[in-house]
Amino acid sequence: MLDRLKSLPLTIILTILIWMYAESQFTATQEGLQASIGVGATSAFTVDLQDPGASDKTYHKTIPVRITVEGAKAQVDRLYQQAIGVIAPDPDFSNIVYDPKPEDLHPGTDGTLDTVAMLNQTAYFRRSGVRVVAAVPARVRLQVSARQKEELLGLPEMAVEISGPPAVLRAFDVIVDPRALHITVAGSAESLASVKAALANGPTDPRIRAVLDLYAQDRPTESGTLQRRALRYTLPEGVRVTDGPTEVQFKLEKRLVP
């Protein structure tokens, strides 16, 4: 009997831990998450999007969507916390990219696609462990046009910018490798004209940025090893990166307070 009593606290602790793990795996649903969707770049076509129900009938590179997701409770809760600003948002969720098959694109035509199907085919939702079950707008109109002849433009060396919560940036120094990049962009002569004008007046075009996003939960690794993370490029309308790194390595080091 005494042995049973001694083992009781451990049994309770284990039961609670098992219950907490199981609870995190329960299926949950969350409505009203805000995101945007765009179409991935193709070498031959430009694809613009329109919300058929919106009063604005023009086409855009991205359009806002409101979605309902379903999946493991822990994953769904994380998306919700990002949506309300409790934790830093995932840039890949804020700007979801749909990559159609090139053979499905026919220049000079309009078409409509089911928004839920589009979202669930994106790389983000394929790897996230959740699926979209409803979306507003329910359908998205695509306008496909032949891409204008593009020019290539190599840019001067540019520094990787760091973006993240102030608390993280105050507490840690950020070591990035490489710290500076050489990239090549492409666009029509008209799109690149403003970039060339900006470079004529300064070392860089301030509209073109390569950003490493840090999150509130980021901490130094125990071994001090470098981590890999995708870069986020910001570019003028009609300009895209054709040659340049998609990710960098970085590590955080605790800042010494004098």
C-alpha atoms as a PDB file:
ATOM      1  CA  MET A   1       0.000   0.000   0.000  1.00  0.00           C
ATOM      2  CA  LEU A   2       2.832   2.405   0.896  1.00  0.00           C
ATOM      3  CA  ASP A   3       4.496   1.726  -2.450  1.00  0.00           C
ATOM      4  CA  ARG A   4       1.238   2.561  -4.208  1.00  0.00           C
ATOM      5  CA  LEU A   5       0.955   5.875  -2.388  1.00  0.00           C
ATOM      6  CA  LYS A   6       4.562   6.759  -3.237  1.00  0.00           C
ATOM      7  CA  SER A   7       3.939   6.182  -6.942  1.00  0.00           C
ATOM      8  CA  LEU A   8       0.709   8.168  -7.001  1.00  0.00           C
ATOM      9  CA  PRO A   9       2.216  11.660  -7.603  1.00  0.00           C
ATOM     10  CA  LEU A  10       4.293  10.389 -10.527  1.00  0.00           C
ATOM     11  CA  THR A  11       1.223   8.692 -11.998  1.00  0.00           C
ATOM     12  CA  ILE A  12      -0.742  11.934 -11.779  1.00  0.00           C
ATOM     13  CA  ILE A  13       2.070  13.916 -13.421  1.00  0.00           C
ATOM     14  CA  LEU A  14       2.375  11.408 -16.261  1.00  0.00           C
ATOM     15  CA  THR A  15      -1.395  11.411 -16.750  1.00  0.00           C
ATOM     16  CA  ILE A  16      -1.435  15.215 -16.975  1.00  0.00           C
ATOM     17  CA  LEU A  17       1.434  15.230 -19.486  1.00  0.00           C
ATOM     18  CA  ILE A  18      -0.265  12.605 -21.647  1.00  0.00           C
ATOM     19  CA  TRP A  19      -3.523  14.551 -21.496  1.00  0.00           C
ATOM     20  CA  MET A  20      -1.745  17.797 -22.471  1.00  0.00           C
ATOM     21  CA  TYR A  21      -0.089  16.107 -25.458  1.00  0.00           C
ATOM     22  CA  ALA A  22      -3.346  14.496 -26.576  1.00  0.00           C
ATOM     23  CA  GLU A  23      -5.225  17.782 -26.195  1.00  0.00           C
ATOM     24  CA  SER A  24      -2.697  19.536 -28.449  1.00  0.00           C
ATOM     25  CA  GLN A  25      -3.395  16.979 -31.190  1.00  0.00           C
ATOM     26  CA  PHE A  26      -7.189  17.383 -31.161  1.00  0.00           C
ATOM     27  CA  THR A  27      -8.683  18.689 -34.373  1.00  0.00           C
ATOM     28  CA  ALA A  28      -9.684  22.341 -34.122  1.00  0.00           C
ATOM     29  CA  THR A  29     -11.307  24.843 -36.462  1.00  0.00           C
ATOM     30  CA  GLN A  30     -10.651  28.578 -36.645  1.00  0.00           C
ATOM     31  CA  GLU A  31     -12.653  31.045 -38.739  1.00  0.00           C
ATOM     32  CA  GLY A  32     -11.868  34.520 -40.002  1.00  0.00           C
ATOM     33  CA  LEU A  33      -8.079  34.339 -40.512  1.00  0.00           C
ATOM     34  CA  GLN A  34      -6.854  37.117 -42.795  1.00  0.00           C
ATOM     35  CA  ALA A  35      -4.241  36.415 -45.461  1.00  0.00           C
ATOM     36  CA  SER A  36      -3.489  37.294 -49.055  1.00  0.00           C
ATOM     37  CA  ILE A  37      -2.958  35.089 -52.079  1.00  0.00           C
ATOM     38  CA  GLY A  38      -0.958  35.656 -55.253  1.00  0.00           C
ATOM     39  CA  VAL A  39       0.248  33.570 -58.158  1.00  0.00           C
ATOM     40  CA  GLY A  40       3.880  32.490 -58.411  1.00  0.00           C
ATOM     41  CA  ALA A  41       6.019  34.022 -61.126  1.00  0.00           C
ATOM     42  CA  THR A  42       6.239  32.198 -64.448  1.00  0.00           C
ATOM     43  CA  SER A  43       8.748  32.743 -67.222  1.00  0.00           C
ATOM     44  CA  ALA A  44       6.126  33.223 -69.943  1.00  0.00           C
ATOM     45  CA  PHE A  45       2.961  34.642 -68.371  1.00  0.00           C
ATOM     46  CA  THR A  46       1.752  37.326 -66.022  1.00  0.00           C
ATOM     47  CA  VAL A  47      -1.199  36.258 -63.862  1.00  0.00           C
ATOM     48  CA  ASP A  48      -3.312  38.833 -62.020  1.00  0.00           C
ATOM     49  CA  LEU A  49      -6.200  38.164 -59.644  1.00  0.00           C
ATOM     50  CA  GLN A  50      -9.619  39.635 -58.999  1.00  0.00           C
ATOM     51  CA  ASP A  51     -12.262  39.075 -56.345  1.00  0.00           C
ATOM     52  CA  PRO A  52     -15.442  38.654 -58.467  1.00  0.00           C
ATOM     53  CA  GLY A  53     -17.615  39.948 -55.623  1.00  0.00           C
ATOM     54  CA  ALA A  54     -15.605  43.083 -54.870  1.00  0.00           C
ATOM     55  CA  SER A  55     -16.684  46.516 -56.052  1.00  0.00           C
ATOM     56  CA  ASP A  56     -13.152  47.050 -57.358  1.00  0.00           C
ATOM     57  CA  LYS A  57     -13.140  45.206 -60.695  1.00  0.00           C
ATOM     58  CA  THR A  58      -9.454  45.770 -61.442  1.00  0.00           C
ATOM     59  CA  TYR A  59      -6.914  42.955 -61.287  1.00  0.00           C
ATOM     60  CA  HIS A  60      -4.116  42.840 -58.716  1.00  0.00           C
ATOM     61  CA  LYS A  61      -0.950  40.847 -58.040  1.00  0.00           C
ATOM     62  CA  THR A  62      -2.435  39.696 -54.729  1.00  0.00           C
ATOM     63  CA  ILE A  63      -5.894  39.858 -53.197  1.00  0.00           C
ATOM     64  CA  PRO A  64      -6.980  39.565 -49.549  1.00  0.00           C
ATOM     65  CA  VAL A  65      -8.823  36.424 -48.440  1.00  0.00           C
ATOM     66  CA  ARG A  66     -10.576  35.436 -45.224  1.00  0.00           C
ATOM     67  CA  ILE A  67     -10.268  31.731 -44.486  1.00  0.00           C
ATOM     68  CA  THR A  68     -11.385  29.003 -42.122  1.00  0.00           C
ATOM     69  CA  VAL A  69      -8.755  26.381 -41.286  1.00  0.00           C
ATOM     70  CA  GLU A  70      -8.979  22.959 -39.688  1.00  0.00           C
ATOM     71  CA  GLY A  71      -6.230  20.782 -38.248  1.00  0.00           C
ATOM     72  CA  ALA A  72      -4.254  19.877 -35.148  1.00  0.00           C
ATOM     73  CA  LYS A  73      -5.218  22.227 -32.330  1.00  0.00           C
ATOM     74  CA  ALA A  74      -1.633  23.327 -31.676  1.00  0.00           C
ATOM     75  CA  GLN A  75      -1.112  24.332 -35.305  1.00  0.00           C
ATOM     76  CA  VAL A  76      -4.473  26.087 -35.577  1.00  0.00           C
ATOM     77  CA  ASP A  77      -3.851  27.975 -32.321  1.00  0.00           C
ATOM     78  CA  ARG A  78      -0.490  29.128 -33.643  1.00  0.00           C
ATOM     79  CA  LEU A  79      -2.085  30.578 -36.772  1.00  0.00           C
ATOM     80  CA  TYR A  80      -4.682  32.349 -34.637  1.00  0.00           C
ATOM     81  CA  GLN A  81      -2.019  33.815 -32.320  1.00  0.00           C
ATOM     82  CA  GLN A  82      -0.191  35.141 -35.366  1.00  0.00           C
ATOM     83  CA  ALA A  83      -3.425  36.651 -36.711  1.00  0.00           C
ATOM     84  CA  ILE A  84      -4.109  38.612 -33.513  1.00  0.00           C
ATOM     85  CA  GLY A  85      -0.486  39.672 -33.025  1.00  0.00           C
ATOM     86  CA  VAL A  86       0.396  37.576 -29.961  1.00  0.00           C
ATOM     87  CA  ILE A  87       3.374  36.140 -31.856  1.00  0.00           C
ATOM     88  CA  ALA A  88       5.135  37.402 -34.971  1.00  0.00           C
ATOM     89  CA  PRO A  89       3.269  36.511 -38.172  1.00  0.00           C
ATOM     90  CA  ASP A  90       4.746  34.057 -40.629  1.00  0.00           C
ATOM     91  CA  PRO A  91       5.490  36.014 -43.850  1.00  0.00           C
ATOM     92  CA  ASP A  92       4.610  32.913 -45.883  1.00  0.00           C
ATOM     93  CA  PHE A  93       1.085  32.974 -44.387  1.00  0.00           C
ATOM     94  CA  SER A  94       0.585  36.685 -44.935  1.00  0.00           C
ATOM     95  CA  ASN A  95       1.465  36.271 -48.616  1.00  0.00           C
ATOM     96  CA  ILE A  96       0.431  32.798 -49.759  1.00  0.00           C
ATOM     97  CA  VAL A  97       1.673  31.834 -53.219  1.00  0.00           C
ATOM     98  CA  TYR A  98      -0.276  29.569 -55.572  1.00  0.00           C
ATOM     99  CA  ASP A  99       1.791  27.931 -58.321  1.00  0.00           C
ATOM    100  CA  PRO A 100      -0.389  26.835 -61.249  1.00  0.00           C
ATOM    101  CA  LYS A 101       0.785  24.345 -63.838  1.00  0.00           C
ATOM    102  CA  PRO A 102       2.116  26.258 -66.878  1.00  0.00           C
ATOM    103  CA  GLU A 103      -0.020  24.117 -69.189  1.00  0.00           C
ATOM    104  CA  ASP A 104      -3.137  25.366 -67.372  1.00  0.00           C
ATOM    105  CA  LEU A 105      -2.378  28.988 -68.234  1.00  0.00           C
ATOM    106  CA  HIS A 106      -3.706  30.328 -71.508  1.00  0.00           C
ATOM    107  CA  PRO A 107      -2.724  33.917 -72.350  1.00  0.00           C
ATOM    108  CA  GLY A 108      -5.480  36.286 -73.374  1.00  0.00           C
ATOM    109  CA  THR A 109      -8.134  34.459 -71.360  1.00  0.00           C
ATOM    110  CA  ASP A 110      -9.852  34.852 -68.017  1.00  0.00           C
ATOM    111  CA  GLY A 111     -10.672  31.957 -65.756  1.00  0.00           C
ATOM    112  CA  THR A 112     -11.965  31.318 -62.274  1.00  0.00           C
ATOM    113  CA  LEU A 113     -10.678  28.899 -59.676  1.00  0.00           C
ATOM    114  CA  ASP A 114     -12.063  27.620 -56.388  1.00  0.00           C
ATOM    115  CA  THR A 115     -10.238  29.538 -53.644  1.00  0.00           C
ATOM    116  CA  VAL A 116     -10.202  26.637 -51.162  1.00  0.00           C
ATOM    117  CA  ALA A 117      -8.673  24.322 -53.766  1.00  0.00           C
ATOM    118  CA  MET A 118      -6.054  26.965 -54.672  1.00  0.00           C
ATOM    119  CA  LEU A 119      -5.033  27.480 -51.065  1.00  0.00           C
ATOM    120  CA  ASN A 120      -4.802  23.786 -50.243  1.00  0.00           C
ATOM    121  CA  GLN A 121      -2.512  23.277 -53.257  1.00  0.00           C
ATOM    122  CA  THR A 122      -0.023  25.911 -52.081  1.00  0.00           C
ATOM    123  CA  ALA A 123       3.303  24.874 -50.574  1.00  0.00           C
ATOM    124  CA  TYR A 124       2.380  26.639 -47.320  1.00  0.00           C
ATOM    125  CA  PHE A 125      -0.685  24.537 -46.557  1.00  0.00           C
ATOM    126  CA  ARG A 126       0.837  21.329 -47.900  1.00  0.00           C
ATOM    127  CA  ARG A 127       3.510  21.509 -45.205  1.00  0.00           C
ATOM    128  CA  SER A 128       1.604  23.249 -42.393  1.00  0.00           C
ATOM    129  CA  GLY A 129      -0.508  20.371 -41.104  1.00  0.00           C
ATOM    130  CA  VAL A 130      -3.770  22.306 -41.494  1.00  0.00           C
ATOM    131  CA  ARG A 131      -6.205  22.588 -44.376  1.00  0.00           C
ATOM    132  CA  VAL A 132      -8.541  25.296 -45.572  1.00  0.00           C
ATOM    133  CA  VAL A 133     -12.239  24.362 -45.383  1.00  0.00           C
ATOM    134  CA  ALA A 134     -13.832  27.684 -46.376  1.00  0.00           C
ATOM    135  CA  ALA A 135     -12.755  30.967 -47.940  1.00  0.00           C
ATOM    136  CA  VAL A 136     -14.131  34.385 -48.829  1.00  0.00           C
ATOM    137  CA  PRO A 137     -14.148  35.032 -51.732  1.00  0.00           C
ATOM    138  CA  ALA A 138     -15.158  31.497 -52.634  1.00  0.00           C
ATOM    139  CA  ARG A 139     -13.783  31.892 -56.172  1.00  0.00           C
ATOM    140  CA  VAL A 140     -10.938  33.924 -57.637  1.00  0.00           C
ATOM    141  CA  ARG A 141     -10.763  35.194 -61.203  1.00  0.00           C
ATOM    142  CA  LEU A 142      -7.439  34.875 -63.026  1.00  0.00           C
ATOM    143  CA  GLN A 143      -6.317  37.062 -65.906  1.00  0.00           C
ATOM    144  CA  VAL A 144      -3.484  35.539 -67.931  1.00  0.00           C
ATOM    145  CA  SER A 145      -1.386  37.628 -70.283  1.00  0.00           C
ATOM    146  CA  ALA A 146       1.875  37.070 -72.101  1.00  0.00           C
ATOM    147  CA  ARG A 147       4.794  38.433 -70.113  1.00  0.00           C
ATOM    148  CA  GLN A 148       6.459  41.463 -71.633  1.00  0.00           C
ATOM    149  CA  LYS A 149       9.996  40.991 -72.858  1.00  0.00           C
ATOM    150  CA  GLU A 150      12.173  41.325 -69.783  1.00  0.00           C
ATOM    151  CA  GLU A 151      15.552  42.853 -69.152  1.00  0.00           C
ATOM    152  CA  LEU A 152      18.033  41.727 -66.510  1.00  0.00           C
ATOM    153  CA  LEU A 153      19.698  44.159 -64.134  1.00  0.00           C
ATOM    154  CA  GLY A 154      22.485  43.283 -61.698  1.00  0.00           C
ATOM    155  CA  LEU A 155      22.277  45.322 -58.508  1.00  0.00           C
ATOM    156  CA  PRO A 156      25.131  46.687 -56.396  1.00  0.00           C
ATOM    157  CA  GLU A 157      25.941  44.865 -53.178  1.00  0.00           C
ATOM    158  CA  MET A 158      23.106  45.225 -50.666  1.00  0.00           C
ATOM    159  CA  ALA A 159      23.011  44.480 -46.946  1.00  0.00           C
ATOM    160  CA  VAL A 160      20.584  42.001 -45.413  1.00  0.00           C
ATOM    161  CA  GLU A 161      18.152  43.913 -43.201  1.00  0.00           C
ATOM    162  CA  ILE A 162      17.007  42.520 -39.864  1.00  0.00           C
ATOM    163  CA  SER A 163      13.355  42.808 -38.823  1.00  0.00           C
ATOM    164  CA  GLY A 164      11.884  41.491 -35.603  1.00  0.00           C
ATOM    165  CA  PRO A 165      10.292  42.270 -32.237  1.00  0.00           C
ATOM    166  CA  PRO A 166      12.119  45.086 -30.380  1.00  0.00           C
ATOM    167  CA  ALA A 167      12.619  42.848 -27.330  1.00  0.00           C
ATOM    168  CA  VAL A 168      14.587  40.328 -29.402  1.00  0.00           C
ATOM    169  CA  LEU A 169      16.652  43.006 -31.162  1.00  0.00           C
ATOM    170  CA  ARG A 170      17.510  44.650 -27.822  1.00  0.00           C
ATOM    171  CA  ALA A 171      18.557  41.391 -26.166  1.00  0.00           C
ATOM    172  CA  PHE A 172      20.627  39.814 -28.943  1.00  0.00           C
ATOM    173  CA  ASP A 173      23.175  40.643 -31.582  1.00  0.00           C
ATOM    174  CA  VAL A 174      22.310  39.059 -34.931  1.00  0.00           C
ATOM    175  CA  ILE A 175      25.133  37.449 -36.911  1.00  0.00           C
ATOM    176  CA  VAL A 176      24.130  36.906 -40.553  1.00  0.00           C
ATOM    177  CA  ASP A 177      26.007  34.940 -43.195  1.00  0.00           C
ATOM    178  CA  PRO A 178      26.261  36.303 -45.814  1.00  0.00           C
ATOM    179  CA  ARG A 179      25.770  39.829 -44.485  1.00  0.00           C
ATOM    180  CA  ALA A 180      25.656  41.380 -47.963  1.00  0.00           C
ATOM    181  CA  LEU A 181      24.213  40.051 -51.217  1.00  0.00           C
ATOM    182  CA  HIS A 182      24.526  40.465 -54.954  1.00  0.00           C
ATOM    183  CA  ILE A 183      21.223  39.894 -56.737  1.00  0.00           C
ATOM    184  CA  THR A 184      19.907  40.191 -60.257  1.00  0.00           C
ATOM    185  CA  VAL A 185      16.388  41.401 -60.962  1.00  0.00           C
ATOM    186  CA  ALA A 186      14.238  41.191 -64.076  1.00  0.00           C
ATOM    187  CA  GLY A 187      11.376  43.257 -65.421  1.00  0.00           C
ATOM    188  CA  SER A 188      10.133  45.140 -68.409  1.00  0.00           C
ATOM    189  CA  ALA A 189      12.097  48.169 -69.607  1.00  0.00           C
ATOM    190  CA  GLU A 190       9.382  50.354 -68.067  1.00  0.00           C
ATOM    191  CA  SER A 191       9.536  48.571 -64.687  1.00  0.00           C
ATOM    192  CA  LEU A 192      13.328  48.750 -64.495  1.00  0.00           C
ATOM    193  CA  ALA A 193      13.526  52.401 -65.553  1.00  0.00           C
ATOM    194  CA  SER A 194      12.639  53.614 -62.058  1.00  0.00           C
ATOM    195  CA  VAL A 195      15.184  51.217 -60.518  1.00  0.00           C
ATOM    196  CA  LYS A 196      17.932  52.531 -62.794  1.00  0.00           C
ATOM    197  CA  ALA A 197      16.941  56.104 -61.928  1.00  0.00           C
ATOM    198  CA  ALA A 198      17.167  55.348 -58.205  1.00  0.00           C
ATOM    199  CA  LEU A 199      20.606  53.743 -58.625  1.00  0.00           C
ATOM    200  CA  ALA A 200      21.805  56.798 -60.547  1.00  0.00           C
ATOM    201  CA  ASN A 201      21.065  58.908 -57.462  1.00  0.00           C
ATOM    202  CA  GLY A 202      22.337  56.582 -54.748  1.00  0.00           C
ATOM    203  CA  PRO A 203      24.051  53.284 -53.983  1.00  0.00           C
ATOM    204  CA  THR A 204      20.773  51.336 -53.764  1.00  0.00           C
ATOM    205  CA  ASP A 205      17.091  51.523 -54.608  1.00  0.00           C
ATOM    206  CA  PRO A 206      15.389  51.804 -51.173  1.00  0.00           C
ATOM    207  CA  ARG A 207      12.358  49.926 -52.520  1.00  0.00           C
ATOM    208  CA  ILE A 208      14.463  46.790 -53.043  1.00  0.00           C
ATOM    209  CA  ARG A 209      15.198  45.083 -49.745  1.00  0.00           C
ATOM    210  CA  ALA A 210      16.333  41.646 -48.581  1.00  0.00           C
ATOM    211  CA  VAL A 211      14.912  41.076 -45.099  1.00  0.00           C
ATOM    212  CA  LEU A 212      15.631  38.428 -42.472  1.00  0.00           C
ATOM    213  CA  ASP A 213      12.562  38.159 -40.223  1.00  0.00           C
ATOM    214  CA  LEU A 214      13.078  37.250 -36.574  1.00  0.00           C
ATOM    215  CA  TYR A 215      10.292  36.035 -34.305  1.00  0.00           C
ATOM    216  CA  ALA A 216       9.506  36.564 -30.630  1.00  0.00           C
ATOM    217  CA  GLN A 217      10.416  32.959 -29.810  1.00  0.00           C
ATOM    218  CA  ASP A 218      13.880  33.111 -31.427  1.00  0.00           C
ATOM    219  CA  ARG A 219      16.768  32.358 -29.043  1.00  0.00           C
ATOM    220  CA  PRO A 220      20.447  31.411 -29.403  1.00  0.00           C
ATOM    221  CA  THR A 221      21.028  27.709 -30.076  1.00  0.00           C
ATOM    222  CA  GLU A 222      22.708  25.777 -27.271  1.00  0.00           C
ATOM    223  CA  SER A 223      25.664  24.905 -29.498  1.00  0.00           C
ATOM    224  CA  GLY A 224      25.897  28.370 -31.000  1.00  0.00           C
ATOM    225  CA  THR A 225      25.454  26.946 -34.488  1.00  0.00           C
ATOM    226  CA  LEU A 226      24.018  28.922 -37.378  1.00  0.00           C
ATOM    227  CA  GLN A 227      20.377  28.447 -38.342  1.00  0.00           C
ATOM    228  CA  ARG A 228      18.907  28.759 -41.841  1.00  0.00           C
ATOM    229  CA  ARG A 229      15.918  30.951 -42.660  1.00  0.00           C
ATOM    230  CA  ALA A 230      14.276  32.178 -45.862  1.00  0.00           C
ATOM    231  CA  LEU A 231      14.826  35.762 -46.972  1.00  0.00           C
ATOM    232  CA  ARG A 232      11.911  38.059 -47.697  1.00  0.00           C
ATOM    233  CA  TYR A 233      12.451  40.327 -50.698  1.00  0.00           C
ATOM    234  CA  THR A 234      10.480  43.522 -51.206  1.00  0.00           C
ATOM    235  CA  LEU A 235      10.455  44.822 -54.782  1.00  0.00           C
ATOM    236  CA  PRO A 236       8.788  47.479 -56.936  1.00  0.00           C
ATOM    237  CA  GLU A 237       5.760  46.462 -58.977  1.00  0.00           C
ATOM    238  CA  GLY A 238       6.737  44.419 -62.030  1.00  0.00           C
ATOM    239  CA  VAL A 239      10.236  43.558 -60.773  1.00  0.00           C
ATOM    240  CA  ARG A 240      11.315  40.097 -59.600  1.00  0.00           C
ATOM    241  CA  VAL A 241      14.514  38.444 -58.365  1.00  0.00           C
ATOM    242  CA  THR A 242      15.987  36.024 -60.894  1.00  0.00           C
ATOM    243  CA  ASP A 243      19.373  35.339 -59.292  1.00  0.00           C
ATOM    244  CA  GLY A 244      20.164  35.637 -55.615  1.00  0.00           C
ATOM    245  CA  PRO A 245      20.024  33.637 -52.382  1.00  0.00           C
ATOM    246  CA  THR A 246      16.638  32.515 -51.135  1.00  0.00           C
ATOM    247  CA  GLU A 247      17.893  32.027 -47.567  1.00  0.00           C
ATOM    248  CA  VAL A 248      20.726  32.990 -45.242  1.00  0.00           C
ATOM    249  CA  GLN A 249      22.326  31.553 -42.129  1.00  0.00           C
ATOM    250  CA  PHE A 250      22.137  33.412 -38.837  1.00  0.00           C
ATOM    251  CA  LYS A 251      22.663  33.085 -35.124  1.00  0.00           C
ATOM    252  CA  LEU A 252      21.775  35.136 -32.091  1.00  0.00           C
ATOM    253  CA  GLU A 253      24.306  36.104 -29.444  1.00  0.00           C
ATOM    254  CA  LYS A 254      23.297  37.512 -26.094  1.00  0.00           C
ATOM    255  CA  ARG A 255      24.149  41.182 -25.998  1.00  0.00           C
ATOM    256  CA  LEU A 256      26.461  42.176 -23.151  1.00  0.00           C
ATOM    257  CA  VAL A 257      25.038  45.085 -21.151  1.00  0.00           C
ATOM    258  CA  PRO A 258      27.780  47.484 -19.985  1.00  0.00           C
END
